[in-house]
All heavy atoms as atom14 arrays in JSON, in Angstrom:
{
  "sequence": "VGGYTNSDYEGPEPVAPSADTYKQDEFWSAEFALQYQLTKGWSVRGE",
  "atom14_mask": [
    [1, 1, 1, 1, 1, 1, 1, 0, 0, 0, 0, 0, 0, 0],
    [1, 1, 1, 1, 0, 0, 0, 0, 0, 0, 0, 0, 0, 0],
    [1, 1, 1, 1, 0, 0, 0, 0, 0, 0, 0, 0, 0, 0],
    [1, 1, 1, 1, 1, 1, 1, 1, 1, 1, 1, 1, 0, 0],
    [1, 1, 1, 1, 1, 1, 1, 0, 0, 0, 0, 0, 0, 0],
    [1, 1, 1, 1, 1, 1, 1, 1, 0, 0, 0, 0, 0, 0],
    [1, 1, 1, 1, 1, 1, 0, 0, 0, 0, 0, 0, 0, 0],
    [1, 1, 1, 1, 1, 1, 1, 1, 0, 0, 0, 0, 0, 0],
    [1, 1, 1, 1, 1, 1, 1, 1, 1, 1, 1, 1, 0, 0],
    [1, 1, 1, 1, 1, 1, 1, 1, 1, 0, 0, 0, 0, 0],
    [1, 1, 1, 1, 0, 0, 0, 0, 0, 0, 0, 0, 0, 0],
    [1, 1, 1, 1, 1, 1, 1, 0, 0, 0, 0, 0, 0, 0],
    [1, 1, 1, 1, 1, 1, 1, 1, 1, 0, 0, 0, 0, 0],
    [1, 1, 1, 1, 1, 1, 1, 0, 0, 0, 0, 0, 0, 0],
    [1, 1, 1, 1, 1, 1, 1, 0, 0, 0, 0, 0, 0, 0],
    [1, 1, 1, 1, 1, 0, 0, 0, 0, 0, 0, 0, 0, 0],
    [1, 1, 1, 1, 1, 1, 1, 0, 0, 0, 0, 0, 0, 0],
    [1, 1, 1, 1, 1, 1, 0, 0, 0, 0, 0, 0, 0, 0],
    [1, 1, 1, 1, 1, 0, 0, 0, 0, 0, 0, 0, 0, 0],
    [1, 1, 1, 1, 1, 1, 1, 1, 0, 0, 0, 0, 0, 0],
    [1, 1, 1, 1, 1, 1, 1, 0, 0, 0, 0, 0, 0, 0],
    [1, 1, 1, 1, 1, 1, 1, 1, 1, 1, 1, 1, 0, 0],
    [1, 1, 1, 1, 1, 1, 1, 1, 1, 0, 0, 0, 0, 0],
    [1, 1, 1, 1, 1, 1, 1, 1, 1, 0, 0, 0, 0, 0],
    [1, 1, 1, 1, 1, 1, 1, 1, 0, 0, 0, 0, 0, 0],
    [1, 1, 1, 1, 1, 1, 1, 1, 1, 0, 0, 0, 0, 0],
    [1, 1, 1, 1, 1, 1, 1, 1, 1, 1, 1, 0, 0, 0],
    [1, 1, 1, 1, 1, 1, 1, 1, 1, 1, 1, 1, 1, 1],
    [1, 1, 1, 1, 1, 1, 0, 0, 0, 0, 0, 0, 0, 0],
    [1, 1, 1, 1, 1, 0, 0, 0, 0, 0, 0, 0, 0, 0],
    [1, 1, 1, 1, 1, 1, 1, 1, 1, 0, 0, 0, 0, 0],
    [1, 1, 1, 1, 1, 1, 1, 1, 1, 1, 1, 0, 0, 0],
    [1, 1, 1, 1, 1, 0, 0, 0, 0, 0, 0, 0, 0, 0],
    [1, 1, 1, 1, 1, 1, 1, 1, 0, 0, 0, 0, 0, 0],
    [1, 1, 1, 1, 1, 1, 1, 1, 1, 0, 0, 0, 0, 0],
    [1, 1, 1, 1, 1, 1, 1, 1, 1, 1, 1, 1, 0, 0],
    [1, 1, 1, 1, 1, 1, 1, 1, 1, 0, 0, 0, 0, 0],
    [1, 1, 1, 1, 1, 1, 1, 1, 0, 0, 0, 0, 0, 0],
    [1, 1, 1, 1, 1, 1, 1, 0, 0, 0, 0, 0, 0, 0],
    [1, 1, 1, 1, 1, 1, 1, 1, 1, 0, 0, 0, 0, 0],
    [1, 1, 1, 1, 0, 0, 0, 0, 0, 0, 0, 0, 0, 0],
    [1, 1, 1, 1, 1, 1, 1, 1, 1, 1, 1, 1, 1, 1],
    [1, 1, 1, 1, 1, 1, 0, 0, 0, 0, 0, 0, 0, 0],
    [1, 1, 1, 1, 1, 1, 1, 0, 0, 0, 0, 0, 0, 0],
    [1, 1, 1, 1, 1, 1, 1, 1, 1, 1, 1, 0, 0, 0],
    [1, 1, 1, 1, 0, 0, 0, 0, 0, 0, 0, 0, 0, 0],
    [1, 1, 1, 1, 1, 1, 1, 1, 1, 0, 0, 0, 0, 0]
  ],
  "atom14_positions": [
    [[0.27, 2.95, -11.44], [0.5, 1.61, -11.97], [1.41, 0.86, -11.0], [2.38, 1.41, -10.48], [1.17, 1.67, -13.37], [1.4, 0.27, -13.91], [0.35, 2.5, -14.34], [0.0, 0.0, 0.0], [0.0, 0.0, 0.0], [0.0, 0.0, 0.0], [0.0, 0.0, 0.0], [0.0, 0.0, 0.0], [0.0, 0.0, 0.0], [0.0, 0.0, 0.0]],
    [[1.11, -0.4, -10.76], [1.95, -1.25, -9.92], [2.14, -2.61, -10.57], [1.25, -3.1, -11.27], [0.0, 0.0, 0.0], [0.0, 0.0, 0.0], [0.0, 0.0, 0.0], [0.0, 0.0, 0.0], [0.0, 0.0, 0.0], [0.0, 0.0, 0.0], [0.0, 0.0, 0.0], [0.0, 0.0, 0.0], [0.0, 0.0, 0.0], [0.0, 0.0, 0.0]],
    [[3.31, -3.17, -10.37], [3.58, -4.47, -10.98], [4.46, -5.35, -10.1], [5.22, -4.85, -9.26], [0.0, 0.0, 0.0], [0.0, 0.0, 0.0], [0.0, 0.0, 0.0], [0.0, 0.0, 0.0], [0.0, 0.0, 0.0], [0.0, 0.0, 0.0], [0.0, 0.0, 0.0], [0.0, 0.0, 0.0], [0.0, 0.0, 0.0], [0.0, 0.0, 0.0]],
    [[4.31, -6.66, -10.29], [5.11, -7.64, -9.57], [5.35, -8.83, -10.49], [4.44, -9.3, -11.17], [4.37, -8.11, -8.31], [5.04, -9.29, -7.64], [6.17, -9.11, -6.85], [4.56, -10.58, -7.83], [6.8, -10.19, -6.25], [5.18, -11.66, -7.22], [6.29, -11.46, -6.44], [6.93, -12.53, -5.85], [0.0, 0.0, 0.0], [0.0, 0.0, 0.0]],
    [[6.59, -9.31, -10.5], [6.95, -10.5, -11.26], [7.87, -11.36, -10.41], [8.8, -10.85, -9.79], [7.68, -10.14, -12.57], [6.87, -9.26, -13.32], [7.99, -11.38, -13.38], [0.0, 0.0, 0.0], [0.0, 0.0, 0.0], [0.0, 0.0, 0.0], [0.0, 0.0, 0.0], [0.0, 0.0, 0.0], [0.0, 0.0, 0.0], [0.0, 0.0, 0.0]],
    [[7.61, -12.66, -10.38], [8.46, -13.62, -9.68], [9.09, -14.54, -10.72], [8.38, -15.11, -11.55], [7.64, -14.43, -8.68], [8.48, -15.36, -7.86], [9.7, -15.42, -8.01], [7.85, -16.1, -6.99], [0.0, 0.0, 0.0], [0.0, 0.0, 0.0], [0.0, 0.0, 0.0], [0.0, 0.0, 0.0], [0.0, 0.0, 0.0], [0.0, 0.0, 0.0]],
    [[10.41, -14.66, -10.7], [11.11, -15.51, -11.67], [11.93, -16.56, -10.94], [12.78, -16.22, -10.11], [12.04, -14.66, -12.54], [11.3, -13.68, -13.23], [0.0, 0.0, 0.0], [0.0, 0.0, 0.0], [0.0, 0.0, 0.0], [0.0, 0.0, 0.0], [0.0, 0.0, 0.0], [0.0, 0.0, 0.0], [0.0, 0.0, 0.0], [0.0, 0.0, 0.0]],
    [[11.68, -17.83, -11.24], [12.47, -18.95, -10.73], [13.19, -19.58, -11.91], [12.54, -20.09, -12.83], [11.58, -19.99, -10.05], [10.96, -19.47, -8.77], [11.64, -18.72, -8.06], [9.8, -19.82, -8.49], [0.0, 0.0, 0.0], [0.0, 0.0, 0.0], [0.0, 0.0, 0.0], [0.0, 0.0, 0.0], [0.0, 0.0, 0.0], [0.0, 0.0, 0.0]],
    [[14.51, -19.53, -11.9], [15.3, -20.04, -13.02], [15.63, -21.51, -12.82], [15.85, -21.96, -11.7], [16.57, -19.2, -13.18], [16.25, -17.76, -13.51], [16.0, -16.83, -12.51], [16.14, -17.35, -14.82], [15.68, -15.51, -12.81], [15.83, -16.04, -15.14], [15.6, -15.13, -14.13], [15.28, -13.82, -14.43], [0.0, 0.0, 0.0], [0.0, 0.0, 0.0]],
    [[15.67, -22.28, -13.91], [15.8, -23.74, -13.82], [17.24, -24.23, -13.66], [17.47, -25.26, -13.06], [15.18, -24.38, -15.05], [13.67, -24.2, -15.1], [13.05, -24.87, -16.31], [13.77, -25.53, -17.09], [11.84, -24.73, -16.48], [0.0, 0.0, 0.0], [0.0, 0.0, 0.0], [0.0, 0.0, 0.0], [0.0, 0.0, 0.0], [0.0, 0.0, 0.0]],
    [[18.21, -23.52, -14.2], [19.59, -24.0, -14.15], [20.39, -23.32, -13.06], [20.04, -22.26, -12.57], [0.0, 0.0, 0.0], [0.0, 0.0, 0.0], [0.0, 0.0, 0.0], [0.0, 0.0, 0.0], [0.0, 0.0, 0.0], [0.0, 0.0, 0.0], [0.0, 0.0, 0.0], [0.0, 0.0, 0.0], [0.0, 0.0, 0.0], [0.0, 0.0, 0.0]],
    [[21.5, -23.92, -12.65], [22.38, -23.3, -11.66], [22.91, -21.96, -12.15], [23.16, -21.78, -13.34], [23.51, -24.3, -11.48], [22.98, -25.59, -12.01], [21.97, -25.24, -13.07], [0.0, 0.0, 0.0], [0.0, 0.0, 0.0], [0.0, 0.0, 0.0], [0.0, 0.0, 0.0], [0.0, 0.0, 0.0], [0.0, 0.0, 0.0], [0.0, 0.0, 0.0]],
    [[23.09, -21.04, -11.25], [23.55, -19.7, -11.58], [25.08, -19.66, -11.57], [25.7, -19.94, -10.54], [22.98, -18.7, -10.58], [23.42, -17.28, -10.76], [23.15, -16.76, -12.17], [22.07, -17.0, -12.72], [24.06, -16.12, -12.71], [0.0, 0.0, 0.0], [0.0, 0.0, 0.0], [0.0, 0.0, 0.0], [0.0, 0.0, 0.0], [0.0, 0.0, 0.0]],
    [[25.73, -19.31, -12.68], [27.19, -19.33, -12.76], [27.91, -18.33, -11.85], [29.03, -18.58, -11.44], [27.5, -19.04, -14.22], [26.26, -18.56, -14.84], [25.12, -18.96, -13.96], [0.0, 0.0, 0.0], [0.0, 0.0, 0.0], [0.0, 0.0, 0.0], [0.0, 0.0, 0.0], [0.0, 0.0, 0.0], [0.0, 0.0, 0.0], [0.0, 0.0, 0.0]],
    [[27.27, -17.2, -11.5], [27.95, -16.23, -10.63], [27.59, -16.41, -9.16], [28.03, -15.64, -8.32], [27.65, -14.77, -11.06], [28.15, -14.5, -12.45], [26.18, -14.46, -10.93], [0.0, 0.0, 0.0], [0.0, 0.0, 0.0], [0.0, 0.0, 0.0], [0.0, 0.0, 0.0], [0.0, 0.0, 0.0], [0.0, 0.0, 0.0], [0.0, 0.0, 0.0]],
    [[26.79, -17.4, -8.85], [26.4, -17.64, -7.46], [27.55, -18.27, -6.68], [28.39, -18.94, -7.26], [25.18, -18.56, -7.41], [0.0, 0.0, 0.0], [0.0, 0.0, 0.0], [0.0, 0.0, 0.0], [0.0, 0.0, 0.0], [0.0, 0.0, 0.0], [0.0, 0.0, 0.0], [0.0, 0.0, 0.0], [0.0, 0.0, 0.0], [0.0, 0.0, 0.0]],
    [[27.58, -18.06, -5.37], [28.65, -18.63, -4.55], [28.72, -20.14, -4.63], [29.79, -20.72, -4.56], [28.29, -18.18, -3.14], [27.33, -17.06, -3.3], [26.66, -17.24, -4.62], [0.0, 0.0, 0.0], [0.0, 0.0, 0.0], [0.0, 0.0, 0.0], [0.0, 0.0, 0.0], [0.0, 0.0, 0.0], [0.0, 0.0, 0.0], [0.0, 0.0, 0.0]],
    [[27.59, -20.79, -4.8], [27.56, -22.25, -4.87], [27.0, -22.66, -6.22], [26.04, -22.09, -6.72], [26.66, -22.8, -3.75], [26.37, -24.15, -4.0], [0.0, 0.0, 0.0], [0.0, 0.0, 0.0], [0.0, 0.0, 0.0], [0.0, 0.0, 0.0], [0.0, 0.0, 0.0], [0.0, 0.0, 0.0], [0.0, 0.0, 0.0], [0.0, 0.0, 0.0]],
    [[27.58, -23.67, -6.83], [27.12, -24.14, -8.14], [25.7, -24.72, -8.06], [25.04, -24.89, -9.08], [28.08, -25.18, -8.68], [0.0, 0.0, 0.0], [0.0, 0.0, 0.0], [0.0, 0.0, 0.0], [0.0, 0.0, 0.0], [0.0, 0.0, 0.0], [0.0, 0.0, 0.0], [0.0, 0.0, 0.0], [0.0, 0.0, 0.0], [0.0, 0.0, 0.0]],
    [[25.24, -25.03, -6.86], [23.89, -25.6, -6.7], [22.82, -24.52, -6.5], [21.66, -24.85, -6.31], [23.87, -26.54, -5.49], [24.78, -27.75, -5.71], [24.96, -28.13, -6.88], [25.27, -28.29, -4.71], [0.0, 0.0, 0.0], [0.0, 0.0, 0.0], [0.0, 0.0, 0.0], [0.0, 0.0, 0.0], [0.0, 0.0, 0.0], [0.0, 0.0, 0.0]],
    [[23.22, -23.25, -6.53], [22.26, -22.17, -6.31], [21.44, -21.92, -7.57], [21.99, -21.72, -8.64], [22.99, -20.88, -5.9], [23.71, -21.12, -4.7], [22.02, -19.74, -5.68], [0.0, 0.0, 0.0], [0.0, 0.0, 0.0], [0.0, 0.0, 0.0], [0.0, 0.0, 0.0], [0.0, 0.0, 0.0], [0.0, 0.0, 0.0], [0.0, 0.0, 0.0]],
    [[20.14, -21.92, -7.42], [19.24, -21.58, -8.5], [18.72, -20.17, -8.26], [18.24, -19.87, -7.18], [18.08, -22.58, -8.58], [18.51, -23.94, -9.03], [19.09, -24.85, -8.16], [18.36, -24.31, -10.36], [19.5, -26.09, -8.58], [18.77, -25.56, -10.81], [19.34, -26.45, -9.91], [19.76, -27.69, -10.34], [0.0, 0.0, 0.0], [0.0, 0.0, 0.0]],
    [[18.83, -19.34, -9.28], [18.48, -17.93, -9.13], [16.97, -17.76, -9.01], [16.19, -18.37, -9.73], [18.99, -17.15, -10.34], [18.8, -15.67, -10.26], [19.45, -14.99, -11.45], [18.96, -13.58, -11.56], [18.76, -13.14, -12.9], [0.0, 0.0, 0.0], [0.0, 0.0, 0.0], [0.0, 0.0, 0.0], [0.0, 0.0, 0.0], [0.0, 0.0, 0.0]],
    [[16.57, -16.88, -8.07], [15.16, -16.51, -7.88], [15.1, -15.0, -7.75], [15.84, -14.42, -6.95], [14.58, -17.16, -6.63], [14.54, -18.67, -6.69], [14.07, -19.27, -5.37], [14.29, -18.7, -4.32], [13.41, -20.41, -5.47], [0.0, 0.0, 0.0], [0.0, 0.0, 0.0], [0.0, 0.0, 0.0], [0.0, 0.0, 0.0], [0.0, 0.0, 0.0]],
    [[14.24, -14.37, -8.53], [14.1, -12.92, -8.52], [12.66, -12.52, -8.23], [11.72, -13.21, -8.63], [14.47, -12.31, -9.87], [15.96, -12.34, -10.15], [16.74, -12.62, -9.23], [16.34, -12.09, -11.31], [0.0, 0.0, 0.0], [0.0, 0.0, 0.0], [0.0, 0.0, 0.0], [0.0, 0.0, 0.0], [0.0, 0.0, 0.0], [0.0, 0.0, 0.0]],
    [[12.51, -11.39, -7.56], [11.22, -10.71, -7.41], [11.42, -9.3, -7.94], [12.31, -8.59, -7.48], [10.78, -10.65, -5.95], [10.34, -11.96, -5.38], [9.78, -11.8, -3.97], [9.63, -10.65, -3.51], [9.52, -12.83, -3.35], [0.0, 0.0, 0.0], [0.0, 0.0, 0.0], [0.0, 0.0, 0.0], [0.0, 0.0, 0.0], [0.0, 0.0, 0.0]],
    [[10.62, -8.9, -8.9], [10.71, -7.57, -9.49], [9.44, -6.79, -9.15], [8.33, -7.24, -9.44], [10.88, -7.66, -11.01], [10.99, -6.33, -11.67], [12.18, -5.63, -11.65], [9.9, -5.76, -12.32], [12.29, -4.38, -12.25], [9.99, -4.53, -12.93], [11.19, -3.84, -12.89], [0.0, 0.0, 0.0], [0.0, 0.0, 0.0], [0.0, 0.0, 0.0]],
    [[9.62, -5.64, -8.52], [8.51, -4.76, -8.13], [8.63, -3.45, -8.89], [9.74, -2.94, -9.1], [8.58, -4.45, -6.64], [8.37, -5.63, -5.76], [9.32, -6.52, -5.32], [7.14, -6.08, -5.21], [8.75, -7.48, -4.54], [7.4, -7.24, -4.45], [5.83, -5.62, -5.29], [6.41, -7.93, -3.77], [4.85, -6.3, -4.61], [5.14, -7.45, -3.86]],
    [[7.5, -2.9, -9.32], [7.53, -1.6, -9.97], [6.32, -0.77, -9.56], [5.24, -1.3, -9.28], [7.55, -1.75, -11.5], [6.36, -2.35, -11.95], [0.0, 0.0, 0.0], [0.0, 0.0, 0.0], [0.0, 0.0, 0.0], [0.0, 0.0, 0.0], [0.0, 0.0, 0.0], [0.0, 0.0, 0.0], [0.0, 0.0, 0.0], [0.0, 0.0, 0.0]],
    [[6.51, 0.54, -9.51], [5.44, 1.48, -9.21], [5.64, 2.71, -10.1], [6.77, 3.17, -10.3], [5.46, 1.89, -7.75], [0.0, 0.0, 0.0], [0.0, 0.0, 0.0], [0.0, 0.0, 0.0], [0.0, 0.0, 0.0], [0.0, 0.0, 0.0], [0.0, 0.0, 0.0], [0.0, 0.0, 0.0], [0.0, 0.0, 0.0], [0.0, 0.0, 0.0]],
    [[4.55, 3.19, -10.67], [4.6, 4.35, -11.55], [3.48, 5.32, -11.17], [2.35, 4.9, -10.91], [4.43, 3.94, -13.01], [5.44, 2.94, -13.48], [5.16, 2.44, -14.89], [4.46, 3.13, -15.66], [5.62, 1.34, -15.22], [0.0, 0.0, 0.0], [0.0, 0.0, 0.0], [0.0, 0.0, 0.0], [0.0, 0.0, 0.0], [0.0, 0.0, 0.0]],
    [[3.81, 6.61, -11.15], [2.85, 7.66, -10.88], [2.99, 8.71, -11.97], [4.11, 9.09, -12.3], [3.1, 8.3, -9.52], [3.12, 7.3, -8.39], [4.32, 6.77, -7.94], [1.94, 6.88, -7.81], [4.35, 5.84, -6.91], [1.95, 5.95, -6.78], [3.15, 5.42, -6.34], [0.0, 0.0, 0.0], [0.0, 0.0, 0.0], [0.0, 0.0, 0.0]],
    [[1.88, 9.16, -12.53], [1.93, 10.17, -13.59], [0.82, 11.19, -13.39], [-0.27, 10.86, -12.94], [1.8, 9.51, -14.96], [0.0, 0.0, 0.0], [0.0, 0.0, 0.0], [0.0, 0.0, 0.0], [0.0, 0.0, 0.0], [0.0, 0.0, 0.0], [0.0, 0.0, 0.0], [0.0, 0.0, 0.0], [0.0, 0.0, 0.0], [0.0, 0.0, 0.0]],
    [[1.14, 12.42, -13.75], [0.18, 13.51, -13.7], [0.34, 14.32, -14.98], [1.45, 14.73, -15.32], [0.41, 14.38, -12.46], [-0.61, 15.45, -12.18], [-2.0, 14.84, -11.96], [-0.2, 16.25, -10.96], [0.0, 0.0, 0.0], [0.0, 0.0, 0.0], [0.0, 0.0, 0.0], [0.0, 0.0, 0.0], [0.0, 0.0, 0.0], [0.0, 0.0, 0.0]],
    [[-0.77, 14.52, -15.67], [-0.74, 15.23, -16.96], [-1.7, 16.41, -16.93], [-2.79, 16.32, -16.37], [-1.12, 14.27, -18.08], [-1.12, 14.9, -19.46], [-1.35, 13.88, -20.55], [-0.71, 12.84, -20.55], [-2.25, 14.16, -21.47], [0.0, 0.0, 0.0], [0.0, 0.0, 0.0], [0.0, 0.0, 0.0], [0.0, 0.0, 0.0], [0.0, 0.0, 0.0]],
    [[-1.27, 17.5, -17.58], [-2.1, 18.69, -17.68], [-2.21, 19.08, -19.14], [-1.21, 19.2, -19.85], [-1.51, 19.84, -16.86], [-2.37, 21.08, -16.89], [-3.56, 21.13, -16.15], [-2.01, 22.18, -17.64], [-4.36, 22.25, -16.17], [-2.8, 23.31, -17.67], [-3.98, 23.34, -16.94], [-4.77, 24.45, -16.96], [0.0, 0.0, 0.0], [0.0, 0.0, 0.0]],
    [[-3.44, 19.27, -19.63], [-3.69, 19.67, -21.01], [-3.6, 21.18, -21.1], [-4.48, 21.9, -20.62], [-5.08, 19.18, -21.44], [-5.34, 19.24, -22.92], [-4.55, 18.18, -23.67], [-4.39, 17.06, -23.2], [-4.06, 18.54, -24.84], [0.0, 0.0, 0.0], [0.0, 0.0, 0.0], [0.0, 0.0, 0.0], [0.0, 0.0, 0.0], [0.0, 0.0, 0.0]],
    [[-2.52, 21.69, -21.71], [-2.28, 23.13, -21.79], [-3.24, 23.79, -22.79], [-3.85, 24.82, -22.49], [-0.84, 23.4, -22.2], [0.23, 22.92, -21.23], [1.6, 22.95, -21.88], [0.21, 23.78, -19.98], [0.0, 0.0, 0.0], [0.0, 0.0, 0.0], [0.0, 0.0, 0.0], [0.0, 0.0, 0.0], [0.0, 0.0, 0.0], [0.0, 0.0, 0.0]],
    [[-3.31, 23.25, -23.99], [-4.19, 23.73, -25.05], [-4.81, 22.52, -25.72], [-4.6, 21.38, -25.27], [-3.41, 24.56, -26.1], [-2.49, 23.7, -26.77], [-2.67, 25.73, -25.47], [0.0, 0.0, 0.0], [0.0, 0.0, 0.0], [0.0, 0.0, 0.0], [0.0, 0.0, 0.0], [0.0, 0.0, 0.0], [0.0, 0.0, 0.0], [0.0, 0.0, 0.0]],
    [[-5.52, 22.75, -26.82], [-6.15, 21.64, -27.53], [-5.12, 20.57, -27.95], [-5.39, 19.39, -27.88], [-6.88, 22.16, -28.76], [-7.66, 21.11, -29.5], [-8.41, 21.7, -30.66], [-9.17, 20.62, -31.4], [-9.9, 21.15, -32.55], [0.0, 0.0, 0.0], [0.0, 0.0, 0.0], [0.0, 0.0, 0.0], [0.0, 0.0, 0.0], [0.0, 0.0, 0.0]],
    [[-3.93, 20.97, -28.37], [-2.93, 20.02, -28.84], [-1.78, 19.76, -27.88], [-1.15, 18.71, -27.92], [0.0, 0.0, 0.0], [0.0, 0.0, 0.0], [0.0, 0.0, 0.0], [0.0, 0.0, 0.0], [0.0, 0.0, 0.0], [0.0, 0.0, 0.0], [0.0, 0.0, 0.0], [0.0, 0.0, 0.0], [0.0, 0.0, 0.0], [0.0, 0.0, 0.0]],
    [[-1.45, 20.72, -27.02], [-0.28, 20.61, -26.15], [-0.63, 20.11, -24.76], [-1.6, 20.54, -24.16], [0.41, 21.96, -26.01], [1.17, 22.37, -27.22], [0.77, 23.25, -28.18], [2.46, 21.92, -27.61], [1.72, 23.37, -29.15], [2.79, 22.57, -28.83], [3.38, 21.04, -27.06], [3.99, 22.36, -29.49], [4.59, 20.82, -27.71], [4.88, 21.48, -28.91]],
    [[0.22, 19.2, -24.25], [0.09, 18.74, -22.87], [1.47, 18.58, -22.26], [2.47, 18.42, -22.96], [-0.67, 17.41, -22.81], [0.05, 16.39, -23.47], [0.0, 0.0, 0.0], [0.0, 0.0, 0.0], [0.0, 0.0, 0.0], [0.0, 0.0, 0.0], [0.0, 0.0, 0.0], [0.0, 0.0, 0.0], [0.0, 0.0, 0.0], [0.0, 0.0, 0.0]],
    [[1.52, 18.65, -20.93], [2.76, 18.41, -20.2], [2.47, 17.29, -19.19], [1.38, 17.22, -18.63], [3.28, 19.7, -19.51], [2.3, 20.21, -18.48], [4.65, 19.5, -18.91], [0.0, 0.0, 0.0], [0.0, 0.0, 0.0], [0.0, 0.0, 0.0], [0.0, 0.0, 0.0], [0.0, 0.0, 0.0], [0.0, 0.0, 0.0], [0.0, 0.0, 0.0]],
    [[3.45, 16.41, -19.02], [3.26, 15.22, -18.18], [4.5, 14.99, -17.33], [5.62, 15.0, -17.83], [3.0, 14.02, -19.08], [2.8, 12.7, -18.37], [2.55, 11.59, -19.41], [2.44, 10.29, -18.81], [1.3, 9.7, -18.48], [0.16, 10.33, -18.68], [1.29, 8.5, -17.95], [0.0, 0.0, 0.0], [0.0, 0.0, 0.0], [0.0, 0.0, 0.0]],
    [[4.29, 14.75, -16.05], [5.37, 14.39, -15.14], [5.17, 12.94, -14.71], [4.04, 12.5, -14.47], [0.0, 0.0, 0.0], [0.0, 0.0, 0.0], [0.0, 0.0, 0.0], [0.0, 0.0, 0.0], [0.0, 0.0, 0.0], [0.0, 0.0, 0.0], [0.0, 0.0, 0.0], [0.0, 0.0, 0.0], [0.0, 0.0, 0.0], [0.0, 0.0, 0.0]],
    [[6.27, 12.18, -14.65], [6.19, 10.77, -14.27], [7.29, 10.43, -13.26], [8.39, 10.96, -13.34], [6.38, 9.85, -15.48], [5.32, 9.99, -16.53], [5.53, 9.06, -17.71], [6.31, 8.08, -17.59], [4.92, 9.3, -18.76], [0.0, 0.0, 0.0], [0.0, 0.0, 0.0], [0.0, 0.0, 0.0], [0.0, 0.0, 0.0], [0.0, 0.0, 0.0]]
  ]
}
């Protein structure tokens, strides 16, 4: 699984060095999973 989100905020950021700075974020994510079915009901999964 892979994901990307871009966020542009409308108001000035209070913790930014300049009061005129508008916060912009890029969030990236990656997920890998492998599952093994041990028996009819039991499984183990690593992520």
